[in-house]
Amino acid sequence: MPFQKTEIPGLLVFEPVVFEDERGYFFESWNEKIFQEEGIDIRWVQDNQSSSAYGVIRGLHYQLPPFQQSKLIRVLKGKILDVVVDIREGSP
């Protein structure tokens, strides 16, 4: 999985390798070993999925410790504009 670093520390973008043929497609969206090799040591405890109609804007939210969350965002169809705001002191 090719990981792309961003200007925001801890925010990574990755696009999985998709294997596609006439039957459909397959890709690996999570592999603990590969993520750990990239320094991402996450224990997933919850998985949510939502669908938004065209033009929908969802609100920003954040969690403070001990309720913080890591997010894995996946776009199944179409495109997304995902906005990230880093409110940590010293953020770039």
Protein backbone atom coordinates (compact mmCIF):
# COMPACT_ATOMS: atom_id res chain seq x y z
CA MET A 1 0.00 0.00 0.00
CA PRO A 2 1.66 3.23 -1.05
CA PHE A 3 1.45 5.69 1.84
CA GLN A 4 1.70 9.41 1.16
CA LYS A 5 2.75 11.71 3.99
CA THR A 6 1.04 15.08 4.34
CA GLU A 7 1.99 18.37 5.93
CA ILE A 8 -0.05 17.40 8.98
CA PRO A 9 1.90 15.06 11.30
CA GLY A 10 0.13 11.73 11.64
CA LEU A 11 -2.12 12.24 8.61
CA LEU A 12 -1.34 9.74 5.86
CA VAL A 13 -3.05 9.10 2.54
CA PHE A 14 -2.88 5.71 0.91
CA GLU A 15 -4.38 4.18 -2.16
CA PRO A 16 -4.49 0.39 -2.15
CA VAL A 17 -3.47 -1.67 -5.14
CA VAL A 18 -6.71 -2.79 -6.82
CA PHE A 19 -6.84 -6.08 -8.73
CA GLU A 20 -9.65 -5.95 -11.25
CA ASP A 21 -10.96 -8.24 -13.97
CA GLU A 22 -14.27 -9.19 -15.60
CA ARG A 23 -15.50 -10.72 -12.31
CA GLY A 24 -15.06 -7.54 -10.30
CA TYR A 25 -12.26 -6.29 -8.10
CA PHE A 26 -10.30 -7.04 -4.93
CA PHE A 27 -8.05 -4.96 -2.74
CA GLU A 28 -6.55 -5.22 0.71
CA SER A 29 -7.73 -2.26 2.79
CA TRP A 30 -6.06 -3.24 6.05
CA ASN A 31 -2.95 -5.26 6.84
CA GLU A 32 -1.68 -4.88 10.40
CA LYS A 33 1.90 -5.84 9.53
CA ILE A 34 2.18 -3.35 6.66
CA PHE A 35 0.66 -0.56 8.72
CA GLN A 36 3.00 -1.30 11.63
CA GLU A 37 5.99 -1.22 9.25
CA GLU A 38 4.90 2.33 8.41
CA GLY A 39 4.81 3.21 12.11
CA ILE A 40 1.03 2.99 12.34
CA ASP A 41 0.20 0.95 15.43
CA ILE A 42 -3.58 1.07 15.68
CA ARG A 43 -6.05 -1.21 17.38
CA TRP A 44 -9.37 -0.82 15.57
CA VAL A 45 -12.28 -1.02 18.00
CA GLN A 46 -15.12 0.34 15.88
CA ASP A 47 -15.96 0.42 12.17
CA ASN A 48 -18.60 2.77 10.75
CA GLN A 49 -19.86 3.33 7.23
CA SER A 50 -21.99 6.17 5.91
CA SER A 51 -23.34 7.31 2.58
CA SER A 52 -23.93 10.94 1.63
CA ALA A 53 -26.01 12.33 -1.20
CA TYR A 54 -24.37 14.67 -3.70
CA GLY A 55 -23.67 18.08 -2.21
CA VAL A 56 -23.99 17.00 1.43
CA ILE A 57 -21.59 18.63 3.89
CA ARG A 58 -20.96 16.81 7.14
CA GLY A 59 -19.75 18.71 10.19
CA LEU A 60 -16.25 18.71 11.63
CA HIS A 61 -15.76 17.02 14.97
CA TYR A 62 -12.93 16.06 17.28
CA GLN A 63 -12.31 13.99 20.36
CA LEU A 64 -10.06 14.71 23.30
CA PRO A 65 -8.19 11.98 25.20
CA PRO A 66 -9.16 9.45 26.32
CA PHE A 67 -11.90 9.47 23.64
CA GLN A 68 -9.77 10.24 20.57
CA GLN A 69 -10.23 8.14 17.44
CA SER A 70 -8.16 7.14 14.45
CA LYS A 71 -10.03 7.19 11.15
CA LEU A 72 -9.74 5.19 7.99
CA ILE A 73 -11.83 6.88 5.30
CA ARG A 74 -12.76 4.90 2.20
CA VAL A 75 -14.54 6.23 -0.89
CA LEU A 76 -16.50 3.42 -2.53
CA LYS A 77 -18.05 5.41 -5.36
CA GLY A 78 -17.58 8.89 -6.76
CA LYS A 79 -15.24 11.34 -5.09
CA ILE A 80 -14.81 13.12 -1.79
CA LEU A 81 -13.44 16.38 -0.47
CA ASP A 82 -12.30 15.49 3.04
CA VAL A 83 -11.21 18.46 5.14
CA VAL A 84 -8.75 17.98 8.01
CA VAL A 85 -8.19 20.67 10.62
CA ASP A 86 -5.24 20.19 12.98
CA ILE A 87 -5.96 22.14 16.17
CA ARG A 88 -2.87 20.89 17.99
CA GLU A 89 -0.57 23.59 19.33
CA GLY A 90 2.31 24.13 16.89
CA SER A 91 0.40 22.69 13.94
CA PRO A 92 1.82 23.67 10.52
